[in-house]
């Protein structure tokens, strides 16, 4: 299958890296940003191509264009889109709905996805929405090497984006804070990073594999009068959970705002 990427930002590049692991597709990488395209080609292979060549030749096209630029990009490709009506278009534009995309692209060939950057190492979380159910198996097959993939109703995908799409940045802030605390208390930076990252990795895996509620898992670490409860109380005093919820809600509001521009 010939798969094109129009837009090779962090997300587009990460998905291209995951697709290489499937090992049986021809990748077309947009040269709109020549430097990024060349660097990615040096890492994963593929062919460099113009947006017009991708739109007219690829069987599947990933759109990694920023929301406010998407309309103009697709307008400029109107003739090429018409020449390749069977192409499946997979949009990663935050906040841009399937109905918005239908102004430029065939309705039955549209998919809306929101991956996160860990897809590059096969540990991502991608949500997607489609109106044509026949496209669901293709999406899940193409993303099978990227990590977990979940179909959601389109009216829920913005909320999913605020958690999974933006969530890695929130997690990195928490990891960095743990690292800084380790350094403050005499641990090396490398050891602090290993302790923090592996702790979050293992905790997350336990959440996924356990049938217990996160509150139950928390209580298993929390002895009466112990060190953990002292730390948890400090987190509550500084509104850690409120700040996290507020971050997701602000990200959701911004996502919806971006889709209206």
Protein backbone atom coordinates (compact mmCIF):
# COMPACT_ATOMS: atom_id res chain seq x y z
CA UNK A 1 0.00 0.00 0.00
CA UNK A 2 1.19 3.51 -0.82
CA UNK A 3 0.82 5.73 2.26
CA UNK A 4 1.44 9.46 2.22
CA UNK A 5 2.14 11.98 4.97
CA UNK A 6 1.18 15.60 4.45
CA UNK A 7 2.55 17.34 7.52
CA UNK A 8 5.60 15.90 9.22
CA UNK A 9 5.49 17.54 12.62
CA UNK A 10 6.02 15.59 15.82
CA UNK A 11 2.82 13.57 15.43
CA UNK A 12 3.11 12.86 11.72
CA UNK A 13 6.73 11.79 12.09
CA UNK A 14 5.91 9.58 15.07
CA UNK A 15 3.19 7.77 13.12
CA UNK A 16 5.45 7.33 10.12
CA UNK A 17 8.03 5.68 12.40
CA UNK A 18 5.40 3.28 13.72
CA UNK A 19 4.23 2.34 10.22
CA UNK A 20 7.76 1.37 9.20
CA UNK A 21 7.54 -1.46 11.73
CA UNK A 22 4.83 -3.08 9.62
CA UNK A 23 7.44 -3.38 6.88
CA UNK A 24 5.24 -3.71 3.81
CA UNK A 25 4.15 -0.23 2.75
CA UNK A 26 5.62 2.47 0.51
CA UNK A 27 5.80 5.76 2.37
CA UNK A 28 5.56 9.14 0.65
CA UNK A 29 6.89 12.00 2.79
CA UNK A 30 5.84 15.56 2.04
CA UNK A 31 8.65 17.92 1.09
CA UNK A 32 6.71 21.00 2.22
CA UNK A 33 9.33 21.19 4.97
CA UNK A 34 12.38 19.89 3.12
CA UNK A 35 14.62 19.72 6.19
CA UNK A 36 12.19 17.68 8.31
CA UNK A 37 11.35 15.39 5.41
CA UNK A 38 14.99 14.70 4.63
CA UNK A 39 15.86 13.97 8.25
CA UNK A 40 12.92 11.57 8.57
CA UNK A 41 13.77 9.87 5.28
CA UNK A 42 17.34 9.32 6.50
CA UNK A 43 15.93 7.58 9.58
CA UNK A 44 13.09 5.46 8.16
CA UNK A 45 13.42 5.49 4.37
CA UNK A 46 10.49 6.28 2.11
CA UNK A 47 10.23 8.65 -0.84
CA UNK A 48 10.09 12.44 -0.78
CA UNK A 49 7.12 13.87 -2.68
CA UNK A 50 5.12 17.05 -3.08
CA UNK A 51 1.72 17.43 -1.45
CA UNK A 52 0.18 17.24 -4.93
CA UNK A 53 1.95 13.97 -5.72
CA UNK A 54 0.82 12.47 -2.42
CA UNK A 55 -2.79 13.58 -2.90
CA UNK A 56 -2.96 12.13 -6.40
CA UNK A 57 -1.04 8.87 -5.84
CA UNK A 58 -1.37 7.59 -2.26
CA UNK A 59 -4.03 5.11 -1.23
CA UNK A 60 -3.97 6.36 2.37
CA UNK A 61 -3.03 9.91 3.33
CA UNK A 62 -2.26 11.06 6.86
CA UNK A 63 -2.97 14.76 7.37
CA UNK A 64 -0.74 16.27 10.04
CA UNK A 65 -1.43 19.89 9.12
CA UNK A 66 -2.23 22.45 11.81
CA UNK A 67 -5.99 23.13 12.07
CA UNK A 68 -5.87 26.75 10.89
CA UNK A 69 -3.91 25.75 7.76
CA UNK A 70 -5.91 22.67 6.84
CA UNK A 71 -8.58 24.36 4.72
CA UNK A 72 -6.07 26.16 2.51
CA UNK A 73 -3.91 23.06 2.06
CA UNK A 74 -6.88 20.98 0.93
CA UNK A 75 -8.21 23.77 -1.28
CA UNK A 76 -4.85 23.90 -3.06
CA UNK A 77 -5.08 20.14 -3.65
CA UNK A 78 -8.63 20.18 -5.02
CA UNK A 79 -7.70 18.87 -8.46
CA UNK A 80 -5.45 16.09 -7.13
CA UNK A 81 -8.12 15.00 -4.63
CA UNK A 82 -10.63 14.71 -7.47
CA UNK A 83 -8.21 12.52 -9.45
CA UNK A 84 -7.84 10.09 -6.54
CA UNK A 85 -11.38 9.68 -5.14
CA UNK A 86 -10.77 6.30 -3.48
CA UNK A 87 -7.96 7.56 -1.24
CA UNK A 88 -8.56 7.29 2.52
CA UNK A 89 -7.76 10.52 4.34
CA UNK A 90 -6.79 10.28 8.02
CA UNK A 91 -6.77 13.64 9.77
CA UNK A 92 -4.81 14.42 12.93
CA UNK A 93 -5.96 18.05 13.09
CA UNK A 94 -7.09 18.82 16.63
CA UNK A 95 -10.67 20.00 16.90
CA UNK A 96 -11.46 19.65 13.18
CA UNK A 97 -14.58 17.50 12.83
CA UNK A 98 -15.44 14.98 10.16
CA UNK A 99 -18.19 17.29 8.93
CA UNK A 100 -15.64 20.11 8.58
CA UNK A 101 -13.40 17.82 6.52
CA UNK A 102 -16.31 16.86 4.27
CA UNK A 103 -16.17 20.35 2.77
CA UNK A 104 -12.96 19.29 1.03
CA UNK A 105 -12.86 15.47 0.99
CA UNK A 106 -15.21 12.55 0.15
CA UNK A 107 -17.37 11.77 3.19
CA UNK A 108 -17.02 7.99 2.97
CA UNK A 109 -13.20 8.12 2.90
CA UNK A 110 -12.59 10.13 6.07
CA UNK A 111 -11.08 9.16 9.41
CA UNK A 112 -10.30 11.40 12.34
CA UNK A 113 -7.58 10.26 14.74
CA UNK A 114 -5.66 11.64 17.67
CA UNK A 115 -2.46 9.76 18.48
CA UNK A 116 0.19 10.76 20.99
CA UNK A 117 3.95 10.89 20.53
CA UNK A 118 4.73 7.50 22.19
CA UNK A 119 3.32 5.88 19.02
CA UNK A 120 6.88 6.28 17.69
CA UNK A 121 8.05 3.52 20.05
CA UNK A 122 4.93 1.37 19.87
CA UNK A 123 3.55 2.56 23.20
CA UNK A 124 1.08 5.15 22.01
CA UNK A 125 -2.59 5.72 22.71
CA UNK A 126 -4.66 6.63 19.66
CA UNK A 127 -8.37 7.32 19.51
CA UNK A 128 -10.25 7.53 16.22
CA UNK A 129 -13.70 8.25 14.80
CA UNK A 130 -15.25 7.26 11.48
CA UNK A 131 -18.65 7.60 9.87
CA UNK A 132 -17.95 4.79 7.42
CA UNK A 133 -17.58 1.63 9.56
CA UNK A 134 -15.80 -0.18 6.72
CA UNK A 135 -12.74 1.97 7.41
CA UNK A 136 -12.33 0.85 11.03
CA UNK A 137 -10.41 -2.39 10.27
CA UNK A 138 -7.99 -0.50 8.01
CA UNK A 139 -7.30 2.12 10.66
CA UNK A 140 -6.65 -0.46 13.35
CA UNK A 141 -4.40 -2.48 11.05
CA UNK A 142 -2.32 0.55 10.06
CA UNK A 143 -1.95 1.62 13.69
CA UNK A 144 -1.34 -1.88 15.05
CA UNK A 145 2.37 -1.25 15.64
CA UNK A 146 1.79 2.11 17.32
CA UNK A 147 0.33 0.94 20.65
CA UNK A 148 -3.27 0.89 21.83
CA UNK A 149 -6.05 2.00 19.48
CA UNK A 150 -9.63 2.77 20.53
CA UNK A 151 -12.61 3.85 18.47
CA UNK A 152 -14.71 6.54 20.17
CA UNK A 153 -17.83 8.52 19.19
CA UNK A 154 -16.75 11.74 17.53
CA UNK A 155 -18.35 13.90 20.20
CA UNK A 156 -15.91 12.32 22.71
CA UNK A 157 -12.70 12.58 20.71
CA UNK A 158 -11.82 16.10 21.88
CA UNK A 159 -12.01 14.97 25.51
CA UNK A 160 -9.89 11.94 24.66
CA UNK A 161 -7.40 14.29 22.99
CA UNK A 162 -7.10 16.38 26.15
CA UNK A 163 -6.10 13.28 28.12
CA UNK A 164 -4.16 11.05 25.72
CA UNK A 165 -2.97 13.60 23.18
CA UNK A 166 -1.84 16.23 25.69
CA UNK A 167 -1.25 13.82 28.58
CA UNK A 168 2.36 12.91 27.74
CA UNK A 169 3.37 16.53 28.34
CA UNK A 170 1.62 16.48 31.72
CA UNK A 171 3.38 13.21 32.57
CA UNK A 172 6.77 14.64 31.59
CA UNK A 173 6.23 17.58 33.94
CA UNK A 174 5.49 15.14 36.78
CA UNK A 175 8.54 13.02 35.94
CA UNK A 176 10.72 16.12 35.80
CA UNK A 177 9.43 17.22 39.21
CA UNK A 178 10.29 13.81 40.68
CA UNK A 179 13.76 14.01 39.12
CA UNK A 180 14.34 17.45 40.59
CA UNK A 181 13.24 16.23 44.01
CA UNK A 182 15.69 13.34 43.74
CA UNK A 183 18.54 15.69 42.86
CA UNK A 184 17.58 17.99 45.74
CA UNK A 185 17.92 15.05 48.10
CA UNK A 186 21.33 13.94 46.88
CA UNK A 187 20.56 11.46 44.08
CA UNK A 188 22.27 11.76 40.72
CA UNK A 189 20.23 13.09 37.80
CA UNK A 190 20.53 9.78 35.92
CA UNK A 191 19.40 7.70 38.86
CA UNK A 192 16.56 10.08 39.65
CA UNK A 193 15.35 9.88 36.04
CA UNK A 194 15.46 6.08 36.06
CA UNK A 195 13.61 5.88 39.39
CA UNK A 196 10.91 8.33 38.29
CA UNK A 197 10.34 6.98 34.78
CA UNK A 198 10.30 3.31 35.74
CA UNK A 199 7.99 4.02 38.66
CA UNK A 200 5.45 5.71 36.38
CA UNK A 201 5.86 2.99 33.75
CA UNK A 202 5.27 0.17 36.22
CA UNK A 203 2.40 1.97 37.95
CA UNK A 204 0.66 2.60 34.63
CA UNK A 205 1.06 -1.04 33.58
CA UNK A 206 -0.39 -2.20 36.89
CA UNK A 207 -3.41 0.06 36.35
CA UNK A 208 -3.97 -1.52 32.93
CA UNK A 209 -3.53 -5.10 34.09
CA UNK A 210 -5.30 -4.90 37.44
CA UNK A 211 -9.05 -4.97 37.89
CA UNK A 212 -8.71 -2.77 40.97
CA UNK A 213 -9.71 0.89 41.10
CA UNK A 214 -6.84 3.36 41.14
CA UNK A 215 -7.85 4.37 44.67
CA UNK A 216 -7.40 0.76 45.81
CA UNK A 217 -3.97 0.60 44.21
CA UNK A 218 -3.05 3.86 45.90
CA UNK A 219 -4.18 2.53 49.29
CA UNK A 220 -1.94 -0.53 48.89
CA UNK A 221 1.07 1.80 48.94
CA UNK A 222 -0.24 3.95 51.78
CA UNK A 223 0.46 2.73 55.32
CA UNK A 224 -1.20 4.51 58.26
CA UNK A 225 1.07 7.22 59.58
CA UNK A 226 3.71 6.43 56.97
CA UNK A 227 5.81 8.27 54.42
CA UNK A 228 3.41 7.87 51.50
CA UNK A 229 0.41 9.41 53.25
CA UNK A 230 2.59 12.34 54.30
CA UNK A 231 3.45 12.91 50.65
CA UNK A 232 -0.16 12.48 49.52
CA UNK A 233 -1.35 15.03 52.05
CA UNK A 234 1.24 17.49 50.72
CA UNK A 235 -0.04 16.89 47.17
CA UNK A 236 -3.61 17.59 48.32
CA UNK A 237 -2.50 20.74 50.14
CA UNK A 238 -0.99 21.99 46.89
CA UNK A 239 -4.04 21.05 44.79
CA UNK A 240 -2.25 18.47 42.65
CA UNK A 241 -5.42 16.70 41.55
CA UNK A 242 -7.30 19.94 40.97
CA UNK A 243 -4.39 21.24 38.87
CA UNK A 244 -4.40 18.05 36.80
CA UNK A 245 -8.15 18.22 36.14
CA UNK A 246 -7.85 21.92 35.32
CA UNK A 247 -5.03 21.16 32.86
CA UNK A 248 -7.20 18.63 31.01
CA UNK A 249 -10.17 21.01 30.93
CA UNK A 250 -8.04 23.88 29.63
CA UNK A 251 -6.56 21.59 26.97
CA UNK A 252 -10.07 20.51 25.95
CA UNK A 253 -11.24 24.12 25.67
CA UNK A 254 -8.23 25.01 23.52
CA UNK A 255 -8.78 21.97 21.28
CA UNK A 256 -12.34 23.07 20.59
CA UNK A 257 -11.15 26.61 19.98
CA UNK A 258 -8.56 25.44 17.45
CA UNK A 259 -11.22 23.55 15.50
CA UNK A 260 -13.29 26.72 15.05
CA UNK A 261 -10.51 28.82 13.50
